[in-house]
Amino acid sequence: MSKLDDLITKYPKLLECRIDIQKTTEMLVKSFSRGKRLYILGNGGSAADALHIAGELVKSFVVERALDSEFVNNITDHELVRNLQGALPAIALVENTAFATAYSNDCDSAYAFAQQVYAYVREGDCVLGISASGNSKNVINALKAAEGRNAILLGLTGADGGEIKKICDICVCVPEVETYKVQELHLPIYHTICLMLEEYFWPEGEKI
């Protein structure tokens, strides 16, 4: 059984999200394969989800990940090589407290994510905006900034997807409205996406 089949078996109500979950994963595979990066953002519980996703991608998740051969060939410290793991470049834009507080104090907090997107994101990168309502203003502004950088716009929302769905290239909208119920479904979705990415990039990896 595939990782996506397993998700739908456990959470039948996510059947309607299946195609968008698959498309999101395929888009991330394409972007990572081209050496691009994933930037993730959200508020509150969604900020925690952004950190969680980045954590699963920057280190081994369920299998041992080999380092890329070019890196290994450039390193003479064998202990360093033994202690590093294969990784995908995923960055959560929710950690820089110094920047966020400075920007919110000096400018408009609704554009703090957008400012980081402008600074970091480049053409072909993916930007994932997470919002239970789909209408978080600072997430919307960040996605609009990402559009200006010719990035790929991804969304993870609830209900009808709100404004975020309207501007995203791909948006996974779970069939719930209440915030905590939306977030309860977001976690197994992004875990499944991370599992499928790991399976694609490290097909020979042994289970940890």
Protein backbone atom coordinates (compact mmCIF):
# COMPACT_ATOMS: atom_id res chain seq x y z
CA MET A 1 0.00 0.00 0.00
CA SER A 2 1.35 3.44 -0.92
CA LYS A 3 1.84 6.14 1.69
CA LEU A 4 -1.06 8.09 0.21
CA ASP A 5 -3.36 5.05 0.18
CA ASP A 6 -2.48 4.47 3.82
CA LEU A 7 -3.41 8.07 4.67
CA ILE A 8 -6.81 7.80 2.98
CA THR A 9 -7.49 4.47 4.67
CA LYS A 10 -6.88 6.02 8.09
CA TYR A 11 -8.65 9.30 7.28
CA PRO A 12 -11.40 8.56 4.70
CA LYS A 13 -12.64 12.16 4.72
CA LEU A 14 -9.32 13.15 3.09
CA LEU A 15 -10.24 11.29 -0.10
CA GLU A 16 -11.34 14.60 -1.63
CA CYS A 17 -7.84 15.99 -0.94
CA ARG A 18 -5.98 13.09 -2.52
CA ILE A 19 -5.29 14.67 -5.90
CA ASP A 20 -4.02 17.93 -4.39
CA ILE A 21 -1.80 16.08 -1.91
CA GLN A 22 -0.31 14.10 -4.80
CA LYS A 23 0.18 17.25 -6.89
CA THR A 24 1.82 19.04 -3.97
CA THR A 25 4.25 16.18 -3.49
CA GLU A 26 5.06 16.01 -7.20
CA MET A 27 5.67 19.75 -7.32
CA LEU A 28 8.04 19.53 -4.35
CA VAL A 29 9.90 16.63 -5.97
CA LYS A 30 10.36 18.68 -9.12
CA SER A 31 11.51 21.76 -7.21
CA PHE A 32 13.93 19.92 -4.89
CA SER A 33 15.32 17.97 -7.85
CA ARG A 34 16.27 21.28 -9.42
CA GLY A 35 18.14 22.39 -6.32
CA LYS A 36 15.40 24.76 -5.16
CA ARG A 37 14.15 25.37 -1.61
CA LEU A 38 10.92 25.16 0.33
CA TYR A 39 9.87 28.02 2.59
CA ILE A 40 7.04 27.42 5.07
CA LEU A 41 5.00 29.86 7.14
CA GLY A 42 1.89 30.19 9.28
CA ASN A 43 0.58 31.59 12.55
CA GLY A 44 0.12 29.98 15.97
CA GLY A 45 -0.40 26.25 15.59
CA SER A 46 0.39 26.60 11.89
CA ALA A 47 3.74 28.17 12.81
CA ALA A 48 4.43 25.06 14.87
CA ASP A 49 3.45 22.96 11.85
CA ALA A 50 5.88 24.94 9.69
CA LEU A 51 8.68 24.09 12.11
CA HIS A 52 7.54 20.46 12.24
CA ILE A 53 7.61 20.09 8.45
CA ALA A 54 11.05 21.65 8.19
CA GLY A 55 12.29 19.33 10.91
CA GLU A 56 11.12 16.23 9.07
CA LEU A 57 12.78 17.32 5.83
CA VAL A 58 16.14 18.61 7.11
CA LYS A 59 17.03 15.31 8.81
CA SER A 60 16.14 11.64 8.46
CA PHE A 61 12.46 10.95 9.09
CA VAL A 62 11.84 7.20 8.99
CA VAL A 63 14.80 5.93 6.96
CA GLU A 64 18.54 6.51 6.98
CA ARG A 65 19.42 9.12 4.38
CA ALA A 66 22.71 8.93 2.52
CA LEU A 67 24.67 12.12 1.89
CA ASP A 68 25.15 13.19 -1.71
CA SER A 69 28.37 11.86 -3.24
CA GLU A 70 29.77 15.25 -4.27
CA PHE A 71 29.61 16.48 -0.67
CA VAL A 72 31.22 13.31 0.64
CA ASN A 73 34.03 13.55 -1.91
CA ASN A 74 34.78 17.12 -0.80
CA ILE A 75 35.03 16.23 2.90
CA THR A 76 38.15 14.76 4.49
CA ASP A 77 36.71 14.59 8.02
CA HIS A 78 35.20 11.09 8.13
CA GLU A 79 33.61 11.69 11.53
CA LEU A 80 31.70 14.61 10.05
CA VAL A 81 30.44 12.42 7.23
CA ARG A 82 29.36 9.69 9.66
CA ASN A 83 27.31 12.13 11.73
CA LEU A 84 25.44 13.99 9.01
CA GLN A 85 22.25 12.89 7.28
CA GLY A 86 20.76 13.52 3.87
CA ALA A 87 18.51 16.56 3.84
CA LEU A 88 16.05 18.57 1.79
CA PRO A 89 16.35 22.38 2.04
CA ALA A 90 13.22 23.41 3.95
CA ILE A 91 13.15 26.65 5.94
CA ALA A 92 10.40 27.76 8.34
CA LEU A 93 10.01 31.55 8.26
CA VAL A 94 8.64 31.69 11.82
CA GLU A 95 11.83 31.57 13.90
CA ASN A 96 13.52 34.95 13.54
CA THR A 97 12.14 36.70 16.61
CA ALA A 98 14.57 39.62 16.36
CA PHE A 99 13.52 40.37 12.79
CA ALA A 100 9.81 39.79 13.42
CA THR A 101 9.64 42.08 16.45
CA ALA A 102 11.72 44.78 14.76
CA TYR A 103 9.61 44.69 11.60
CA SER A 104 6.34 44.64 13.54
CA ASN A 105 7.49 47.62 15.60
CA ASP A 106 8.92 49.65 12.73
CA CYS A 107 6.57 48.68 9.91
CA ASP A 108 3.41 46.58 9.58
CA SER A 109 3.36 43.06 11.03
CA ALA A 110 1.00 41.94 8.26
CA TYR A 111 3.97 42.15 5.89
CA ALA A 112 6.66 40.52 8.05
CA PHE A 113 6.46 37.17 6.23
CA ALA A 114 6.31 38.95 2.88
CA GLN A 115 9.52 40.83 3.68
CA GLN A 116 11.32 37.56 4.39
CA VAL A 117 9.94 36.03 1.22
CA TYR A 118 11.23 38.99 -0.77
CA ALA A 119 14.66 38.61 0.85
CA TYR A 120 15.09 34.85 0.50
CA VAL A 121 12.84 33.32 -2.17
CA ARG A 122 13.96 32.96 -5.76
CA GLU A 123 12.41 31.68 -8.97
CA GLY A 124 11.43 28.01 -8.78
CA ASP A 125 11.44 27.81 -4.99
CA CYS A 126 8.25 26.63 -3.28
CA VAL A 127 6.45 28.66 -0.63
CA LEU A 128 3.92 26.82 1.54
CA GLY A 129 1.40 28.97 3.38
CA ILE A 130 -0.52 27.25 6.19
CA SER A 131 -3.77 28.76 7.47
CA ALA A 132 -6.81 27.02 8.95
CA SER A 133 -9.15 29.69 7.58
CA GLY A 134 -7.26 30.36 4.37
CA ASN A 135 -7.60 34.07 5.08
CA SER A 136 -4.59 34.95 7.26
CA LYS A 137 -3.52 38.35 5.92
CA ASN A 138 0.19 37.93 6.60
CA VAL A 139 0.21 34.53 4.87
CA ILE A 140 -1.65 35.93 1.87
CA ASN A 141 0.82 38.81 1.60
CA ALA A 142 3.73 36.36 1.75
CA LEU A 143 2.27 34.29 -1.07
CA LYS A 144 1.74 37.42 -3.16
CA ALA A 145 5.40 38.33 -2.60
CA ALA A 146 6.36 34.79 -3.63
CA GLU A 147 4.37 35.25 -6.82
CA GLY A 148 6.50 38.32 -7.52
CA ARG A 149 9.58 36.10 -7.23
CA ASN A 150 8.12 33.56 -9.70
CA ALA A 151 7.99 30.96 -6.95
CA ILE A 152 5.57 28.05 -6.73
CA LEU A 153 2.68 28.85 -4.37
CA LEU A 154 1.39 26.02 -2.18
CA GLY A 155 -1.37 26.15 0.42
CA LEU A 156 -2.60 24.02 3.31
CA THR A 157 -5.95 25.21 4.62
CA GLY A 158 -9.40 24.20 5.79
CA ALA A 159 -12.96 24.69 4.61
CA ASP A 160 -13.12 26.33 1.16
CA GLY A 161 -9.50 27.49 1.22
CA GLY A 162 -10.41 31.16 1.51
CA GLU A 163 -8.28 33.73 -0.30
CA ILE A 164 -5.22 31.50 -0.16
CA LYS A 165 -6.77 28.92 -2.47
CA LYS A 166 -7.50 31.64 -5.02
CA ILE A 167 -3.84 32.60 -5.39
CA CYS A 168 -2.08 29.26 -4.90
CA ASP A 169 -0.89 26.98 -7.68
CA ILE A 170 -1.93 24.02 -5.53
CA CYS A 171 -3.94 24.15 -2.30
CA VAL A 172 -4.90 21.25 -0.04
CA CYS A 173 -8.16 22.21 1.71
CA VAL A 174 -9.22 19.76 4.41
CA PRO A 175 -12.99 19.30 4.93
CA GLU A 176 -13.21 20.97 8.34
CA VAL A 177 -13.93 24.51 9.56
CA GLU A 178 -13.01 24.65 13.25
CA THR A 179 -9.35 25.50 13.66
CA TYR A 180 -8.35 22.58 15.88
CA LYS A 181 -10.11 20.09 13.60
CA VAL A 182 -8.36 21.53 10.56
CA GLN A 183 -5.00 21.28 12.31
CA GLU A 184 -5.70 17.69 13.36
CA LEU A 185 -5.94 16.79 9.67
CA HIS A 186 -3.01 18.92 8.55
CA LEU A 187 -0.53 16.85 10.55
CA PRO A 188 -1.16 13.46 8.89
CA ILE A 189 -1.19 15.18 5.50
CA TYR A 190 2.21 16.79 5.84
CA HIS A 191 3.63 13.68 7.48
CA THR A 192 2.51 11.73 4.41
CA ILE A 193 4.04 14.30 2.05
CA CYS A 194 7.32 14.09 3.98
CA LEU A 195 7.22 10.29 3.83
CA MET A 196 6.64 10.33 0.08
CA LEU A 197 9.47 12.82 -0.46
CA GLU A 198 11.83 10.71 1.61
CA GLU A 199 10.79 7.60 -0.29
CA TYR A 200 11.48 9.33 -3.60
CA PHE A 201 14.88 10.81 -2.75
CA TRP A 202 16.18 7.93 -0.60
CA PRO A 203 14.52 4.79 -2.03
CA GLU A 204 17.30 2.57 -0.71
CA GLY A 205 17.22 3.97 2.81
CA GLU A 206 16.90 1.48 5.65
CA LYS A 207 14.32 2.08 8.36
CA ILE A 208 15.69 3.76 11.45
